[in-house]
Amino acid sequence: MKSASLRAEKGVIEVELVVEKNTIIELKITGDFFIYPEEAIEDIEQTIIGCSSNEKDIKACLTQLYKQKSISTPGITIDDWVKVLMIAINK
């Protein structure tokens, strides 16, 4: 299991993940941030599990999810999510 954390503008994102054959197969997100709706954190985890560990693919998955579920993360951008995930993947 790989882990990473990132301090964003208004919060801290912490991730633990497992990658096999360039696919994220496990992901747990914690941290100190706001997300609306609150259950969207599980949606993010489920969307990323099964996604390619490629930066472009992760960003595409998150962008689509944010639009589909009207997710709001004040002070944390999609690029912040991608950055912390890539830090963990590349460890």
Protein backbone atom coordinates (compact mmCIF):
# COMPACT_ATOMS: atom_id res chain seq x y z
CA MET A 1 0.00 0.00 0.00
CA LYS A 2 1.30 3.42 -0.95
CA SER A 3 0.30 6.66 0.75
CA ALA A 4 0.65 10.39 0.31
CA SER A 5 -0.76 13.62 1.65
CA LEU A 6 -1.18 17.06 0.17
CA ARG A 7 -1.91 20.41 1.76
CA ALA A 8 -4.29 22.24 -0.57
CA GLU A 9 -5.55 25.82 -0.31
CA LYS A 10 -8.18 24.91 2.29
CA GLY A 11 -7.52 21.43 3.55
CA VAL A 12 -5.36 18.35 3.66
CA ILE A 13 -5.95 15.29 1.49
CA GLU A 14 -4.51 11.94 2.55
CA VAL A 15 -4.68 8.86 0.34
CA GLU A 16 -3.69 5.22 0.66
CA LEU A 17 -3.82 3.12 -2.48
CA VAL A 18 -2.79 -0.07 -4.18
CA VAL A 19 -1.92 -0.23 -7.88
CA GLU A 20 -1.65 -3.46 -9.86
CA LYS A 21 -0.94 -3.63 -13.58
CA ASN A 22 -1.39 0.16 -13.95
CA THR A 23 -4.86 0.04 -12.36
CA ILE A 24 -5.84 1.44 -8.98
CA ILE A 25 -7.43 -1.49 -7.15
CA GLU A 26 -7.74 -0.07 -3.63
CA LEU A 27 -8.16 3.49 -2.40
CA LYS A 28 -8.91 5.11 0.94
CA ILE A 29 -9.23 8.89 1.21
CA THR A 30 -9.06 10.78 4.50
CA GLY A 31 -8.02 14.24 5.53
CA ASP A 32 -9.23 17.59 6.71
CA PHE A 33 -11.42 19.15 4.03
CA PHE A 34 -15.02 19.94 3.16
CA ILE A 35 -16.90 18.02 0.48
CA TYR A 36 -20.50 18.39 -0.59
CA PRO A 37 -22.46 16.22 -0.62
CA GLU A 38 -20.68 14.45 2.24
CA GLU A 39 -21.16 10.98 0.74
CA ALA A 40 -19.27 12.11 -2.37
CA ILE A 41 -16.00 10.95 -0.81
CA GLU A 42 -17.17 7.37 -1.29
CA ASP A 43 -18.16 8.24 -4.86
CA ILE A 44 -14.64 9.53 -5.51
CA GLU A 45 -13.09 6.37 -4.06
CA GLN A 46 -15.35 4.10 -6.10
CA THR A 47 -14.74 6.09 -9.29
CA ILE A 48 -10.96 5.96 -8.93
CA ILE A 49 -10.90 2.24 -8.05
CA GLY A 50 -10.62 0.54 -11.42
CA CYS A 51 -9.25 3.66 -13.09
CA SER A 52 -5.91 3.59 -14.86
CA SER A 53 -3.02 4.99 -12.82
CA ASN A 54 -2.35 7.41 -15.69
CA GLU A 55 -2.64 11.09 -14.66
CA LYS A 56 -4.79 12.02 -17.67
CA ASP A 57 -7.23 9.15 -17.01
CA ILE A 58 -7.56 9.99 -13.31
CA LYS A 59 -8.32 13.62 -14.13
CA ALA A 60 -10.93 12.58 -16.72
CA CYS A 61 -12.63 10.23 -14.23
CA LEU A 62 -12.76 12.93 -11.54
CA THR A 63 -13.94 15.66 -13.92
CA GLN A 64 -16.82 13.50 -15.10
CA LEU A 65 -17.78 12.54 -11.53
CA TYR A 66 -17.71 16.16 -10.29
CA LYS A 67 -20.11 17.16 -13.09
CA GLN A 68 -22.35 14.10 -12.74
CA LYS A 69 -22.75 14.35 -8.94
CA SER A 70 -22.42 18.17 -8.61
CA ILE A 71 -19.55 17.74 -6.16
CA SER A 72 -18.11 20.77 -4.40
CA THR A 73 -14.82 20.77 -2.51
CA PRO A 74 -14.16 24.38 -1.40
CA GLY A 75 -10.43 25.12 -1.58
CA ILE A 76 -9.59 21.75 -3.18
CA THR A 77 -9.47 21.35 -6.95
CA ILE A 78 -9.54 18.30 -9.18
CA ASP A 79 -5.87 19.00 -9.87
CA ASP A 80 -5.19 18.69 -6.11
CA TRP A 81 -6.80 15.23 -6.09
CA VAL A 82 -4.78 14.21 -9.13
CA LYS A 83 -1.57 15.54 -7.62
CA VAL A 84 -1.89 13.62 -4.33
CA LEU A 85 -2.89 10.44 -6.16
CA MET A 86 0.12 10.73 -8.49
CA ILE A 87 2.46 11.32 -5.55
CA ALA A 88 1.26 8.07 -3.98
CA ILE A 89 1.34 6.14 -7.27
CA ASN A 90 4.90 7.23 -8.00
CA LYS A 91 6.31 6.27 -4.58
